[in-house]
Amino acid sequence: MNLDTINNLLWIVAIAESVGAIANVYKRWWCFIIWICTSVIWAAYSAYTHVWAQAAVWTLYIFITTIGLRKWYREERKSLKDAERPVVAMDRGEKDEADEK
């Protein structure tokens, strides 16, 4: 592969990583998948070019992103379980704002 092809592919990776960041702002779980994939590419490229400190940082990002994905998944699962619980009637005869209208 020539240098121009590699440079173009790295631009695609950089754009994908930015899409992942934007997806995170909108709380889309798949942003973590994008980040893991792009971090793997950056870590591999950094190792290929013998920039070991940068390869180490990208590898750390892979682990951090994986932890974030697991945490997000657990919180989503918990919130779905909470949503499935029956609604308990209000105590002491209090009325809801919707009942007053």
C-alpha atoms as a PDB file:
ATOM      1  CA  MET A   1       0.000   0.000   0.000  1.00  0.00           C
ATOM      2  CA  ASN A   2       1.377   3.390  -0.852  1.00  0.00           C
ATOM      3  CA  LEU A   3       1.534   6.346   1.508  1.00  0.00           C
ATOM      4  CA  ASP A   4      -1.368   8.213  -0.144  1.00  0.00           C
ATOM      5  CA  THR A   5      -3.690   5.222   0.277  1.00  0.00           C
ATOM      6  CA  ILE A   6      -2.755   4.863   3.945  1.00  0.00           C
ATOM      7  CA  ASN A   7      -3.263   8.590   4.493  1.00  0.00           C
ATOM      8  CA  ASN A   8      -6.725   8.447   2.878  1.00  0.00           C
ATOM      9  CA  LEU A   9      -7.712   5.447   5.010  1.00  0.00           C
ATOM     10  CA  LEU A  10      -6.566   7.244   8.149  1.00  0.00           C
ATOM     11  CA  TRP A  11      -8.746  10.218   7.213  1.00  0.00           C
ATOM     12  CA  ILE A  12     -11.714   7.829   7.024  1.00  0.00           C
ATOM     13  CA  VAL A  13     -10.815   6.480  10.470  1.00  0.00           C
ATOM     14  CA  ALA A  14     -10.570  10.023  11.853  1.00  0.00           C
ATOM     15  CA  ILE A  15     -13.984  10.914  10.408  1.00  0.00           C
ATOM     16  CA  ALA A  16     -15.489   7.700  11.817  1.00  0.00           C
ATOM     17  CA  GLU A  17     -14.061   8.555  15.214  1.00  0.00           C
ATOM     18  CA  SER A  18     -15.687  11.989  15.032  1.00  0.00           C
ATOM     19  CA  VAL A  19     -19.010  10.372  14.128  1.00  0.00           C
ATOM     20  CA  GLY A  20     -18.595   8.231  17.249  1.00  0.00           C
ATOM     21  CA  ALA A  21     -18.059  11.355  19.371  1.00  0.00           C
ATOM     22  CA  ILE A  22     -21.169  12.996  17.919  1.00  0.00           C
ATOM     23  CA  ALA A  23     -23.148   9.792  18.537  1.00  0.00           C
ATOM     24  CA  ASN A  24     -22.026   9.870  22.166  1.00  0.00           C
ATOM     25  CA  VAL A  25     -23.406  13.395  22.536  1.00  0.00           C
ATOM     26  CA  TYR A  26     -26.777  12.005  21.416  1.00  0.00           C
ATOM     27  CA  LYS A  27     -26.405   9.003  23.766  1.00  0.00           C
ATOM     28  CA  ARG A  28     -26.192   6.353  21.069  1.00  0.00           C
ATOM     29  CA  TRP A  29     -24.704   3.106  22.387  1.00  0.00           C
ATOM     30  CA  TRP A  30     -23.052   2.244  19.072  1.00  0.00           C
ATOM     31  CA  CYS A  31     -20.591   5.120  19.528  1.00  0.00           C
ATOM     32  CA  PHE A  32     -18.577   2.735  21.705  1.00  0.00           C
ATOM     33  CA  ILE A  33     -18.361   0.188  18.883  1.00  0.00           C
ATOM     34  CA  ILE A  34     -17.064   2.875  16.524  1.00  0.00           C
ATOM     35  CA  TRP A  35     -14.525   4.022  19.115  1.00  0.00           C
ATOM     36  CA  ILE A  36     -13.292   0.483  19.775  1.00  0.00           C
ATOM     37  CA  CYS A  37     -12.845  -0.179  16.044  1.00  0.00           C
ATOM     38  CA  THR A  38     -11.087   3.115  15.368  1.00  0.00           C
ATOM     39  CA  SER A  39      -8.863   2.724  18.435  1.00  0.00           C
ATOM     40  CA  VAL A  40      -7.799  -0.724  17.243  1.00  0.00           C
ATOM     41  CA  ILE A  41      -6.829   0.791  13.887  1.00  0.00           C
ATOM     42  CA  TRP A  42      -4.943   3.686  15.496  1.00  0.00           C
ATOM     43  CA  ALA A  43      -3.148   1.336  17.901  1.00  0.00           C
ATOM     44  CA  ALA A  44      -2.141  -0.965  15.055  1.00  0.00           C
ATOM     45  CA  TYR A  45      -0.962   1.950  12.919  1.00  0.00           C
ATOM     46  CA  SER A  46       1.019   3.410  15.818  1.00  0.00           C
ATOM     47  CA  ALA A  47       2.688   0.041  16.431  1.00  0.00           C
ATOM     48  CA  TYR A  48       3.368  -0.357  12.699  1.00  0.00           C
ATOM     49  CA  THR A  49       5.100   3.027  12.660  1.00  0.00           C
ATOM     50  CA  HIS A  50       6.943   2.182  15.924  1.00  0.00           C
ATOM     51  CA  VAL A  51       5.336   4.994  17.906  1.00  0.00           C
ATOM     52  CA  TRP A  52       5.016   2.820  20.979  1.00  0.00           C
ATOM     53  CA  ALA A  53       3.778   5.419  23.467  1.00  0.00           C
ATOM     54  CA  GLN A  54       0.911   6.311  21.154  1.00  0.00           C
ATOM     55  CA  ALA A  55       0.171   2.617  20.551  1.00  0.00           C
ATOM     56  CA  ALA A  56      -0.012   2.153  24.321  1.00  0.00           C
ATOM     57  CA  VAL A  57      -2.407   5.085  24.709  1.00  0.00           C
ATOM     58  CA  TRP A  58      -4.721   3.786  21.961  1.00  0.00           C
ATOM     59  CA  THR A  59      -4.655   0.342  23.572  1.00  0.00           C
ATOM     60  CA  LEU A  60      -5.632   1.953  26.867  1.00  0.00           C
ATOM     61  CA  TYR A  61      -8.489   3.740  25.062  1.00  0.00           C
ATOM     62  CA  ILE A  62      -9.738   0.352  23.842  1.00  0.00           C
ATOM     63  CA  PHE A  63      -9.990  -0.866  27.440  1.00  0.00           C
ATOM     64  CA  ILE A  64     -11.577   2.369  28.680  1.00  0.00           C
ATOM     65  CA  THR A  65     -14.141   2.301  25.878  1.00  0.00           C
ATOM     66  CA  THR A  66     -14.950  -1.341  26.592  1.00  0.00           C
ATOM     67  CA  ILE A  67     -15.557  -0.455  30.247  1.00  0.00           C
ATOM     68  CA  GLY A  68     -17.800   2.435  29.129  1.00  0.00           C
ATOM     69  CA  LEU A  69     -19.797   0.132  26.857  1.00  0.00           C
ATOM     70  CA  ARG A  70     -20.299  -2.405  29.647  1.00  0.00           C
ATOM     71  CA  LYS A  71     -21.342   0.336  32.094  1.00  0.00           C
ATOM     72  CA  TRP A  72     -23.771   1.817  29.578  1.00  0.00           C
ATOM     73  CA  TYR A  73     -25.237  -1.639  28.864  1.00  0.00           C
ATOM     74  CA  ARG A  74     -25.763  -2.353  32.567  1.00  0.00           C
ATOM     75  CA  GLU A  75     -27.437   1.014  33.166  1.00  0.00           C
ATOM     76  CA  GLU A  76     -29.727   0.536  30.155  1.00  0.00           C
ATOM     77  CA  ARG A  77     -30.661  -2.943  31.362  1.00  0.00           C
ATOM     78  CA  LYS A  78     -31.409  -1.587  34.843  1.00  0.00           C
ATOM     79  CA  SER A  79     -33.522   1.249  33.460  1.00  0.00           C
ATOM     80  CA  LEU A  80     -35.513  -1.204  31.318  1.00  0.00           C
ATOM     81  CA  LYS A  81     -36.143  -3.391  34.364  1.00  0.00           C
ATOM     82  CA  ASP A  82     -37.259  -0.321  36.346  1.00  0.00           C
ATOM     83  CA  ALA A  83     -39.638   0.656  33.528  1.00  0.00           C
ATOM     84  CA  GLU A  84     -41.263  -2.785  33.642  1.00  0.00           C
ATOM     85  CA  ARG A  85     -42.120  -2.516  37.354  1.00  0.00           C
ATOM     86  CA  PRO A  86     -45.759  -1.756  38.149  1.00  0.00           C
ATOM     87  CA  VAL A  87     -46.610   1.797  39.116  1.00  0.00           C
ATOM     88  CA  VAL A  88     -47.415   2.090  42.823  1.00  0.00           C
ATOM     89  CA  ALA A  89     -50.410   4.211  43.843  1.00  0.00           C
ATOM     90  CA  MET A  90     -49.566   7.483  45.545  1.00  0.00           C
ATOM     91  CA  ASP A  91     -49.806   7.566  49.325  1.00  0.00           C
ATOM     92  CA  ARG A  92     -52.224   9.694  51.418  1.00  0.00           C
ATOM     93  CA  GLY A  93     -54.566  10.407  48.539  1.00  0.00           C
ATOM     94  CA  GLU A  94     -52.231  12.872  46.856  1.00  0.00           C
ATOM     95  CA  LYS A  95     -53.250  13.848  43.372  1.00  0.00           C
ATOM     96  CA  ASP A  96     -51.022  13.930  40.374  1.00  0.00           C
ATOM     97  CA  GLU A  97     -50.780  17.202  38.426  1.00  0.00           C
ATOM     98  CA  ALA A  98     -52.405  15.446  35.482  1.00  0.00           C
ATOM     99  CA  ASP A  99     -55.441  14.572  37.655  1.00  0.00           C
ATOM    100  CA  GLU A 100     -56.015  18.243  38.513  1.00  0.00           C
ATOM    101  CA  LYS A 101     -56.500  19.260  34.886  1.00  0.00           C
END
